[in-house]
Amino acid sequence: MAKRFTKSAINWTEFEKRVPLDQKTKFLAFKAKAEMYLRRVQANPPEPPKINWEEYKKIVPVEGLVEKMKTEYSRFQVPYPKDTHSVKVDEQWKSLEPKIKEFCAERQKDIDMAQKEINRIKALPKFEDMTMEMFYDMYPKDAIDPVNRPTFWPHTPEEQPGYLTPEQKAMKKESH
């Protein structure tokens, strides 16, 4: 006889956490149907009931009929499908495991780089405590340098003297 199911193999609480809110009703209907099937399986006894063949021999008048039924009953086996797909699934899983590990290793590198950047940012002085001189010392290319690179407010390229739009630059190249 196949293994007797005593409880569900599905962790319903973990499953429910992953279900989107808009699909909760469908999930609950699915869970109810699965539990109904489990209850129906559990309602049947694990083994077929034992037959008292001696009692039937007394009742049935036809000679040899009960013996014939007894042998047929003992030979009868309920066909249960063989599991041919688990092997294929295991093979697919084994072929996917290296790819999964590689993907996880790549993501771990990204996580490590992001963590280094977070640590670098946390090591900076607070915005309220930083002065323009401190900013210039840390980021000389990004800081305003009124001596070597004077600019006008709002310090964008478009607002500076001598700025040419891309169209003006193209026209200037064509005229040369």
N, C-alpha and C. Protein backbone atom coordinates (compact mmCIF):
# COMPACT_ATOMS: atom_id res chain seq x y z
N MET A 1 0.84 -1.18 0.00
CA MET A 1 0.00 0.00 0.00
C MET A 1 0.88 1.23 0.00
N ALA A 2 0.46 2.24 -0.68
CA ALA A 2 1.21 3.49 -0.74
C ALA A 2 1.27 4.11 0.65
N LYS A 3 2.25 5.00 0.84
CA LYS A 3 2.39 5.67 2.12
C LYS A 3 1.09 6.38 2.49
N ARG A 4 0.76 6.31 3.74
CA ARG A 4 -0.46 6.96 4.23
C ARG A 4 -0.15 8.44 4.48
N PHE A 5 -0.97 9.30 3.92
CA PHE A 5 -0.80 10.73 4.12
C PHE A 5 -1.39 11.11 5.47
N THR A 6 -0.58 11.66 6.34
CA THR A 6 -1.09 12.08 7.64
C THR A 6 -1.24 13.58 7.73
N LYS A 7 -0.45 14.29 6.95
CA LYS A 7 -0.59 15.74 6.94
C LYS A 7 -0.14 16.26 5.58
N SER A 8 -0.46 17.49 5.32
CA SER A 8 -0.14 18.09 4.04
C SER A 8 1.37 18.33 3.94
N ALA A 9 1.92 18.12 2.75
CA ALA A 9 3.34 18.36 2.53
C ALA A 9 3.61 19.81 2.19
N ILE A 10 2.57 20.61 2.11
CA ILE A 10 2.71 22.01 1.73
C ILE A 10 2.72 22.87 2.99
N ASN A 11 3.68 23.78 3.07
CA ASN A 11 3.74 24.73 4.18
C ASN A 11 2.84 25.90 3.80
N TRP A 12 1.59 25.84 4.24
CA TRP A 12 0.58 26.80 3.80
C TRP A 12 0.88 28.21 4.29
N THR A 13 1.48 28.36 5.47
CA THR A 13 1.75 29.72 5.97
C THR A 13 2.81 30.40 5.12
N GLU A 14 3.86 29.67 4.74
CA GLU A 14 4.89 30.25 3.87
C GLU A 14 4.32 30.55 2.49
N PHE A 15 3.49 29.63 2.00
CA PHE A 15 2.87 29.79 0.69
C PHE A 15 2.00 31.05 0.68
N GLU A 16 1.23 31.24 1.76
CA GLU A 16 0.31 32.37 1.83
C GLU A 16 1.05 33.70 1.86
N LYS A 17 2.24 33.72 2.45
CA LYS A 17 3.04 34.95 2.51
C LYS A 17 3.45 35.42 1.11
N ARG A 18 3.59 34.49 0.19
CA ARG A 18 4.05 34.81 -1.16
C ARG A 18 2.93 35.13 -2.15
N VAL A 19 1.69 34.98 -1.70
CA VAL A 19 0.55 35.21 -2.59
C VAL A 19 0.22 36.71 -2.60
N PRO A 20 0.10 37.31 -3.79
CA PRO A 20 -0.28 38.73 -3.86
C PRO A 20 -1.69 38.95 -3.30
N LEU A 21 -1.92 40.13 -2.78
CA LEU A 21 -3.21 40.43 -2.15
C LEU A 21 -4.38 40.25 -3.10
N ASP A 22 -4.20 40.61 -4.37
CA ASP A 22 -5.31 40.50 -5.31
C ASP A 22 -5.65 39.06 -5.67
N GLN A 23 -4.81 38.10 -5.27
CA GLN A 23 -5.08 36.70 -5.58
C GLN A 23 -5.37 35.88 -4.32
N LYS A 24 -5.62 36.55 -3.19
CA LYS A 24 -5.89 35.85 -1.93
C LYS A 24 -7.12 34.95 -2.02
N THR A 25 -8.18 35.42 -2.67
CA THR A 25 -9.41 34.62 -2.74
C THR A 25 -9.16 33.34 -3.53
N LYS A 26 -8.42 33.44 -4.64
CA LYS A 26 -8.11 32.24 -5.42
C LYS A 26 -7.24 31.29 -4.61
N PHE A 27 -6.30 31.85 -3.85
CA PHE A 27 -5.44 31.02 -3.01
C PHE A 27 -6.26 30.28 -1.96
N LEU A 28 -7.18 30.98 -1.31
CA LEU A 28 -8.00 30.34 -0.28
C LEU A 28 -8.89 29.25 -0.86
N ALA A 29 -9.40 29.47 -2.07
CA ALA A 29 -10.21 28.44 -2.73
C ALA A 29 -9.35 27.22 -3.05
N PHE A 30 -8.13 27.45 -3.53
CA PHE A 30 -7.20 26.36 -3.83
C PHE A 30 -6.86 25.58 -2.56
N LYS A 31 -6.59 26.29 -1.47
CA LYS A 31 -6.24 25.64 -0.20
C LYS A 31 -7.41 24.80 0.30
N ALA A 32 -8.62 25.33 0.20
CA ALA A 32 -9.81 24.59 0.65
C ALA A 32 -9.99 23.31 -0.16
N LYS A 33 -9.78 23.41 -1.47
CA LYS A 33 -9.93 22.23 -2.33
C LYS A 33 -8.86 21.18 -1.99
N ALA A 34 -7.63 21.61 -1.76
CA ALA A 34 -6.56 20.67 -1.40
C ALA A 34 -6.85 19.99 -0.07
N GLU A 35 -7.35 20.76 0.90
CA GLU A 35 -7.68 20.17 2.20
C GLU A 35 -8.87 19.21 2.09
N MET A 36 -9.81 19.51 1.19
CA MET A 36 -10.94 18.62 0.97
C MET A 36 -10.44 17.27 0.41
N TYR A 37 -9.53 17.32 -0.56
CA TYR A 37 -8.98 16.09 -1.11
C TYR A 37 -8.24 15.29 -0.04
N LEU A 38 -7.47 15.98 0.81
CA LEU A 38 -6.74 15.30 1.87
C LEU A 38 -7.71 14.63 2.84
N ARG A 39 -8.79 15.32 3.21
CA ARG A 39 -9.79 14.72 4.11
C ARG A 39 -10.46 13.51 3.46
N ARG A 40 -10.72 13.58 2.15
CA ARG A 40 -11.34 12.45 1.46
C ARG A 40 -10.41 11.24 1.46
N VAL A 41 -9.13 11.46 1.29
CA VAL A 41 -8.16 10.34 1.32
C VAL A 41 -8.09 9.77 2.72
N GLN A 42 -8.07 10.64 3.73
CA GLN A 42 -7.96 10.17 5.11
C GLN A 42 -9.24 9.47 5.58
N ALA A 43 -10.36 9.74 4.95
CA ALA A 43 -11.62 9.10 5.35
C ALA A 43 -11.62 7.61 5.03
N ASN A 44 -10.84 7.21 4.04
CA ASN A 44 -10.76 5.79 3.68
C ASN A 44 -9.73 5.09 4.56
N PRO A 45 -9.98 3.82 4.88
CA PRO A 45 -9.00 3.10 5.70
C PRO A 45 -7.72 2.85 4.91
N PRO A 46 -6.58 2.77 5.60
CA PRO A 46 -5.32 2.56 4.88
C PRO A 46 -5.25 1.20 4.19
N GLU A 47 -5.93 0.21 4.73
CA GLU A 47 -5.95 -1.13 4.14
C GLU A 47 -7.39 -1.48 3.80
N PRO A 48 -7.61 -2.27 2.75
CA PRO A 48 -8.99 -2.69 2.46
C PRO A 48 -9.51 -3.58 3.60
N PRO A 49 -10.80 -3.60 3.80
CA PRO A 49 -11.35 -4.41 4.90
C PRO A 49 -11.10 -5.90 4.66
N LYS A 50 -10.90 -6.62 5.74
CA LYS A 50 -10.68 -8.07 5.67
C LYS A 50 -12.02 -8.77 5.41
N ILE A 51 -11.98 -9.72 4.53
CA ILE A 51 -13.19 -10.45 4.17
C ILE A 51 -13.18 -11.81 4.88
N ASN A 52 -14.27 -12.13 5.51
CA ASN A 52 -14.42 -13.43 6.18
C ASN A 52 -14.93 -14.42 5.13
N TRP A 53 -14.01 -15.12 4.50
CA TRP A 53 -14.36 -16.03 3.41
C TRP A 53 -15.12 -17.25 3.91
N GLU A 54 -14.87 -17.67 5.14
CA GLU A 54 -15.57 -18.83 5.70
C GLU A 54 -17.08 -18.56 5.83
N GLU A 55 -17.39 -17.33 6.17
CA GLU A 55 -18.81 -16.95 6.29
C GLU A 55 -19.49 -17.00 4.93
N TYR A 56 -18.76 -16.53 3.90
CA TYR A 56 -19.32 -16.57 2.55
C TYR A 56 -19.50 -18.01 2.05
N LYS A 57 -18.59 -18.91 2.44
CA LYS A 57 -18.71 -20.33 2.02
C LYS A 57 -20.00 -20.95 2.57
N LYS A 58 -20.38 -20.52 3.75
CA LYS A 58 -21.61 -21.04 4.35
C LYS A 58 -22.85 -20.51 3.62
N ILE A 59 -22.78 -19.26 3.15
CA ILE A 59 -23.94 -18.60 2.57
C ILE A 59 -24.11 -18.94 1.09
N VAL A 60 -23.00 -18.97 0.31
CA VAL A 60 -23.07 -19.15 -1.14
C VAL A 60 -23.19 -20.65 -1.44
N PRO A 61 -24.25 -21.05 -2.16
CA PRO A 61 -24.47 -22.48 -2.42
C PRO A 61 -23.61 -23.02 -3.57
N VAL A 62 -23.08 -22.17 -4.47
CA VAL A 62 -22.33 -22.66 -5.63
C VAL A 62 -20.95 -23.12 -5.17
N GLU A 63 -20.63 -24.37 -5.51
CA GLU A 63 -19.36 -24.99 -5.12
C GLU A 63 -18.20 -24.31 -5.86
N GLY A 64 -17.13 -23.89 -5.16
CA GLY A 64 -15.92 -23.34 -5.77
C GLY A 64 -15.99 -21.85 -6.11
N LEU A 65 -17.16 -21.25 -6.05
CA LEU A 65 -17.29 -19.83 -6.40
C LEU A 65 -16.57 -18.94 -5.40
N VAL A 66 -16.69 -19.23 -4.13
CA VAL A 66 -16.04 -18.41 -3.10
C VAL A 66 -14.52 -18.55 -3.20
N GLU A 67 -14.04 -19.77 -3.46
CA GLU A 67 -12.59 -19.98 -3.61
C GLU A 67 -12.05 -19.22 -4.82
N LYS A 68 -12.81 -19.25 -5.91
CA LYS A 68 -12.40 -18.52 -7.11
C LYS A 68 -12.35 -17.02 -6.83
N MET A 69 -13.39 -16.50 -6.12
CA MET A 69 -13.41 -15.08 -5.80
C MET A 69 -12.27 -14.72 -4.86
N LYS A 70 -11.95 -15.62 -3.92
CA LYS A 70 -10.86 -15.38 -2.97
C LYS A 70 -9.52 -15.27 -3.68
N THR A 71 -9.26 -16.15 -4.64
CA THR A 71 -7.99 -16.10 -5.38
C THR A 71 -7.93 -14.86 -6.26
N GLU A 72 -9.05 -14.54 -6.90
CA GLU A 72 -9.09 -13.33 -7.75
C GLU A 72 -8.90 -12.07 -6.91
N TYR A 73 -9.52 -12.06 -5.74
CA TYR A 73 -9.41 -10.90 -4.87
C TYR A 73 -7.99 -10.73 -4.37
N SER A 74 -7.32 -11.80 -4.05
CA SER A 74 -5.95 -11.71 -3.54
C SER A 74 -4.97 -11.31 -4.65
N ARG A 75 -5.27 -11.66 -5.91
CA ARG A 75 -4.40 -11.29 -7.04
C ARG A 75 -4.63 -9.86 -7.51
N PHE A 76 -5.80 -9.32 -7.19
CA PHE A 76 -6.13 -7.98 -7.69
C PHE A 76 -5.22 -6.92 -7.07
N GLN A 77 -4.62 -6.12 -7.90
CA GLN A 77 -3.78 -5.01 -7.47
C GLN A 77 -4.30 -3.74 -8.14
N VAL A 78 -4.47 -2.71 -7.34
CA VAL A 78 -4.90 -1.42 -7.90
C VAL A 78 -3.71 -0.82 -8.62
N PRO A 79 -3.87 -0.52 -9.91
CA PRO A 79 -2.73 0.05 -10.63
C PRO A 79 -2.41 1.45 -10.12
N TYR A 80 -1.16 1.65 -9.78
CA TYR A 80 -0.70 2.95 -9.30
C TYR A 80 0.37 3.42 -10.28
N PRO A 81 0.23 4.61 -10.81
CA PRO A 81 1.18 5.07 -11.83
C PRO A 81 2.60 5.16 -11.27
N LYS A 82 3.55 4.77 -12.09
CA LYS A 82 4.95 4.85 -11.68
C LYS A 82 5.44 6.28 -11.87
N ASP A 83 6.31 6.68 -10.97
CA ASP A 83 6.87 8.03 -11.01
C ASP A 83 8.05 8.04 -11.99
N THR A 84 7.80 8.58 -13.18
CA THR A 84 8.87 8.66 -14.18
C THR A 84 9.40 10.09 -14.32
N HIS A 85 8.72 11.04 -13.72
CA HIS A 85 9.10 12.44 -13.90
C HIS A 85 10.05 12.96 -12.83
N SER A 86 10.07 12.34 -11.67
CA SER A 86 10.95 12.82 -10.60
C SER A 86 12.41 12.76 -11.01
N VAL A 87 12.77 11.73 -11.76
CA VAL A 87 14.16 11.59 -12.22
C VAL A 87 14.50 12.74 -13.16
N LYS A 88 13.57 13.07 -14.06
CA LYS A 88 13.81 14.17 -14.99
C LYS A 88 13.93 15.50 -14.26
N VAL A 89 13.07 15.71 -13.26
CA VAL A 89 13.11 16.94 -12.48
C VAL A 89 14.44 17.03 -11.73
N ASP A 90 14.87 15.92 -11.14
CA ASP A 90 16.15 15.91 -10.43
C ASP A 90 17.31 16.22 -11.37
N GLU A 91 17.28 15.67 -12.59
CA GLU A 91 18.32 15.96 -13.57
C GLU A 91 18.32 17.44 -13.94
N GLN A 92 17.14 18.00 -14.16
CA GLN A 92 17.05 19.43 -14.48
C GLN A 92 17.58 20.26 -13.32
N TRP A 93 17.25 19.88 -12.11
CA TRP A 93 17.71 20.62 -10.94
C TRP A 93 19.24 20.56 -10.85
N LYS A 94 19.81 19.38 -11.08
CA LYS A 94 21.27 19.25 -11.02
C LYS A 94 21.94 20.09 -12.10
N SER A 95 21.32 20.20 -13.28
CA SER A 95 21.91 21.02 -14.33
C SER A 95 21.75 22.51 -14.03
N LEU A 96 20.71 22.88 -13.28
CA LEU A 96 20.49 24.28 -12.95
C LEU A 96 21.29 24.75 -11.73
N GLU A 97 21.66 23.84 -10.86
CA GLU A 97 22.35 24.24 -9.63
C GLU A 97 23.62 25.04 -9.87
N PRO A 98 24.50 24.66 -10.82
CA PRO A 98 25.69 25.49 -11.06
C PRO A 98 25.34 26.89 -11.54
N LYS A 99 24.31 27.00 -12.38
CA LYS A 99 23.90 28.33 -12.87
C LYS A 99 23.36 29.17 -11.71
N ILE A 100 22.62 28.54 -10.83
CA ILE A 100 22.08 29.26 -9.67
C ILE A 100 23.21 29.74 -8.77
N LYS A 101 24.19 28.86 -8.52
CA LYS A 101 25.32 29.24 -7.68
C LYS A 101 26.12 30.37 -8.32
N GLU A 102 26.30 30.30 -9.64
CA GLU A 102 27.03 31.35 -10.35
C GLU A 102 26.27 32.68 -10.24
N PHE A 103 24.96 32.63 -10.44
CA PHE A 103 24.14 33.83 -10.33
C PHE A 103 24.23 34.42 -8.93
N CYS A 104 24.14 33.55 -7.92
CA CYS A 104 24.23 34.02 -6.53
C CYS A 104 25.59 34.63 -6.23
N ALA A 105 26.65 34.04 -6.78
CA ALA A 105 27.99 34.59 -6.57
C ALA A 105 28.11 35.97 -7.21
N GLU A 106 27.56 36.13 -8.42
CA GLU A 106 27.58 37.45 -9.07
C GLU A 106 26.80 38.47 -8.26
N ARG A 107 25.64 38.08 -7.78
CA ARG A 107 24.84 39.01 -6.99
C ARG A 107 25.55 39.34 -5.67
N GLN A 108 26.27 38.37 -5.11
CA GLN A 108 27.00 38.62 -3.87
C GLN A 108 28.11 39.64 -4.12
N LYS A 109 28.76 39.59 -5.30
CA LYS A 109 29.77 40.60 -5.64
C LYS A 109 29.12 41.97 -5.70
N ASP A 110 27.93 42.06 -6.32
CA ASP A 110 27.21 43.33 -6.38
C ASP A 110 26.86 43.83 -4.98
N ILE A 111 26.43 42.91 -4.13
CA ILE A 111 26.08 43.27 -2.76
C ILE A 111 27.30 43.79 -2.02
N ASP A 112 28.44 43.11 -2.20
CA ASP A 112 29.67 43.54 -1.53
C ASP A 112 30.10 44.92 -2.01
N MET A 113 30.00 45.17 -3.33
CA MET A 113 30.36 46.50 -3.85
C MET A 113 29.42 47.56 -3.28
N ALA A 114 28.13 47.27 -3.23
CA ALA A 114 27.17 48.22 -2.69
C ALA A 114 27.42 48.47 -1.20
N GLN A 115 27.79 47.41 -0.49
CA GLN A 115 28.07 47.57 0.95
C GLN A 115 29.32 48.43 1.16
N LYS A 116 30.33 48.26 0.30
CA LYS A 116 31.52 49.11 0.38
C LYS A 116 31.15 50.57 0.14
N GLU A 117 30.29 50.82 -0.85
CA GLU A 117 29.87 52.18 -1.14
C GLU A 117 29.06 52.76 0.02
N ILE A 118 28.21 51.95 0.62
CA ILE A 118 27.44 52.40 1.78
C ILE A 118 28.38 52.74 2.93
N ASN A 119 29.36 51.88 3.17
CA ASN A 119 30.34 52.15 4.24
C ASN A 119 31.12 53.42 3.96
N ARG A 120 31.47 53.64 2.69
CA ARG A 120 32.21 54.85 2.32
C ARG A 120 31.35 56.09 2.58
N ILE A 121 30.06 56.00 2.21
CA ILE A 121 29.16 57.14 2.42
C ILE A 121 28.93 57.38 3.91
N LYS A 122 28.82 56.30 4.68
CA LYS A 122 28.61 56.46 6.12
C LYS A 122 29.83 57.07 6.80
N ALA A 123 31.02 56.85 6.22
CA ALA A 123 32.25 57.39 6.79
C ALA A 123 32.39 58.89 6.53
N LEU A 124 31.64 59.44 5.58
CA LEU A 124 31.70 60.86 5.30
C LEU A 124 31.12 61.66 6.45
N PRO A 125 31.58 62.91 6.60
CA PRO A 125 30.95 63.75 7.63
C PRO A 125 29.50 64.02 7.26
N LYS A 126 28.70 64.34 8.27
CA LYS A 126 27.29 64.65 8.02
C LYS A 126 27.20 65.88 7.12
N PHE A 127 26.13 65.95 6.36
CA PHE A 127 25.92 67.08 5.45
C PHE A 127 25.94 68.40 6.21
N GLU A 128 25.33 68.41 7.39
CA GLU A 128 25.25 69.63 8.18
C GLU A 128 26.63 70.09 8.67
N ASP A 129 27.54 69.13 8.86
CA ASP A 129 28.86 69.44 9.40
C ASP A 129 29.90 69.73 8.32
N MET A 130 29.61 69.37 7.06
CA MET A 130 30.59 69.51 5.99
C MET A 130 30.67 70.97 5.52
N THR A 131 31.88 71.42 5.31
CA THR A 131 32.10 72.77 4.78
C THR A 131 32.45 72.65 3.29
N MET A 132 32.44 73.81 2.60
CA MET A 132 32.80 73.81 1.18
C MET A 132 34.26 73.39 0.99
N GLU A 133 35.12 73.75 1.92
CA GLU A 133 36.53 73.37 1.84
C GLU A 133 36.69 71.86 1.96
N MET A 134 35.92 71.25 2.90
CA MET A 134 35.98 69.80 3.06
C MET A 134 35.50 69.11 1.78
N PHE A 135 34.42 69.64 1.19
CA PHE A 135 33.91 69.07 -0.05
C PHE A 135 34.94 69.20 -1.16
N TYR A 136 35.62 70.35 -1.22
CA TYR A 136 36.65 70.57 -2.26
C TYR A 136 37.81 69.59 -2.07
N ASP A 137 38.19 69.32 -0.81
CA ASP A 137 39.28 68.38 -0.55
C ASP A 137 38.91 66.96 -0.95
N MET A 138 37.63 66.58 -0.73
CA MET A 138 37.19 65.21 -1.05
C MET A 138 36.89 65.03 -2.53
N TYR A 139 36.28 66.05 -3.16
CA TYR A 139 35.87 65.95 -4.56
C TYR A 139 36.34 67.18 -5.33
N PRO A 140 37.63 67.25 -5.65
CA PRO A 140 38.14 68.46 -6.31
C PRO A 140 37.53 68.71 -7.70
N LYS A 141 37.15 67.68 -8.43
CA LYS A 141 36.58 67.88 -9.77
C LYS A 141 35.15 68.38 -9.71
N ASP A 142 34.41 68.03 -8.67
CA ASP A 142 33.00 68.40 -8.56
C ASP A 142 32.80 69.71 -7.80
N ALA A 143 33.75 70.10 -6.99
CA ALA A 143 33.58 71.29 -6.17
C ALA A 143 33.77 72.57 -6.99
N ILE A 144 33.16 73.64 -6.50
CA ILE A 144 33.32 74.95 -7.14
C ILE A 144 34.72 75.46 -6.81
N ASP A 145 35.44 75.88 -7.83
CA ASP A 145 36.79 76.42 -7.65
C ASP A 145 36.81 77.84 -8.22
N PRO A 146 36.55 78.84 -7.38
CA PRO A 146 36.45 80.20 -7.89
C PRO A 146 37.77 80.76 -8.43
N VAL A 147 38.90 80.18 -8.07
CA VAL A 147 40.19 80.70 -8.53
C VAL A 147 40.53 80.11 -9.89
N ASN A 148 40.51 78.79 -10.01
CA ASN A 148 40.94 78.13 -11.24
C ASN A 148 39.81 77.97 -12.26
N ARG A 149 38.57 77.78 -11.77
CA ARG A 149 37.42 77.61 -12.66
C ARG A 149 36.25 78.46 -12.18
N PRO A 150 36.31 79.74 -12.34
CA PRO A 150 35.20 80.56 -11.85
C PRO A 150 33.95 80.32 -12.69
N THR A 151 32.80 80.24 -12.04
CA THR A 151 31.52 80.03 -12.73
C THR A 151 30.49 80.95 -12.12
N PHE A 152 29.38 81.12 -12.83
CA PHE A 152 28.27 81.93 -12.35
C PHE A 152 27.15 81.01 -11.89
N TRP A 153 26.39 81.55 -10.95
CA TRP A 153 25.27 80.79 -10.42
C TRP A 153 24.25 80.59 -11.53
N PRO A 154 23.65 79.47 -11.68
CA PRO A 154 23.57 78.25 -10.87
C PRO A 154 24.66 77.24 -11.17
N HIS A 155 25.76 77.65 -11.73
CA HIS A 155 26.95 76.83 -11.95
C HIS A 155 26.71 75.64 -12.87
N THR A 156 25.77 75.78 -13.79
CA THR A 156 25.54 74.76 -14.82
C THR A 156 26.23 75.21 -16.10
N PRO A 157 26.59 74.28 -16.97
CA PRO A 157 27.29 74.67 -18.21
C PRO A 157 26.50 75.66 -19.06
N GLU A 158 25.17 75.54 -19.07
CA GLU A 158 24.34 76.40 -19.91
C GLU A 158 24.42 77.87 -19.48
N GLU A 159 24.70 78.14 -18.21
CA GLU A 159 24.68 79.50 -17.68
C GLU A 159 26.05 80.18 -17.72
N GLN A 160 27.06 79.49 -18.23
CA GLN A 160 28.41 80.05 -18.21
C GLN A 160 28.69 80.82 -19.49
N PRO A 161 29.58 81.85 -19.39
CA PRO A 161 29.93 82.62 -20.59
C PRO A 161 30.61 81.73 -21.63
N GLY A 162 30.29 81.94 -22.87
CA GLY A 162 30.90 81.18 -23.96
C GLY A 162 30.26 79.83 -24.21
N TYR A 163 29.15 79.54 -23.53
CA TYR A 163 28.49 78.25 -23.74
C TYR A 163 27.81 78.24 -25.11
N LEU A 164 27.99 77.11 -25.81
CA LEU A 164 27.35 76.94 -27.11
C LEU A 164 26.42 75.73 -27.03
N THR A 165 25.23 75.87 -27.60
CA THR A 165 24.30 74.74 -27.65
C THR A 165 24.85 73.74 -28.66
N PRO A 166 24.39 72.49 -28.64
CA PRO A 166 24.86 71.51 -29.61
C PRO A 166 24.62 71.95 -31.05
N GLU A 167 23.50 72.66 -31.29
CA GLU A 167 23.22 73.14 -32.64
C GLU A 167 24.25 74.21 -33.07
N GLN A 168 24.58 75.09 -32.12
CA GLN A 168 25.56 76.14 -32.42
C GLN A 168 26.94 75.53 -32.70
N LYS A 169 27.27 74.46 -31.92
CA LYS A 169 28.55 73.79 -32.14
C LYS A 169 28.57 73.15 -33.52
N ALA A 170 27.47 72.54 -33.92
CA ALA A 170 27.39 71.90 -35.24
C ALA A 170 27.52 72.92 -36.35
N MET A 171 26.87 74.08 -36.19
CA MET A 171 26.94 75.13 -37.20
C MET A 171 28.36 75.70 -37.28
N LYS A 172 29.02 75.81 -36.14
CA LYS A 172 30.38 76.34 -36.10
C LYS A 172 31.34 75.40 -36.84
N LYS A 173 31.13 74.06 -36.64
CA LYS A 173 31.98 73.07 -37.32
C LYS A 173 31.75 73.12 -38.81
N GLU A 174 30.52 73.31 -39.24
CA GLU A 174 30.20 73.34 -40.67
C GLU A 174 30.80 74.57 -41.34
N SER A 175 30.87 75.68 -40.62
CA SER A 175 31.38 76.91 -41.24
C SER A 175 32.90 76.91 -41.34
N HIS A 176 33.58 76.07 -40.63
CA HIS A 176 35.05 76.02 -40.72
C HIS A 176 35.54 75.16 -41.82
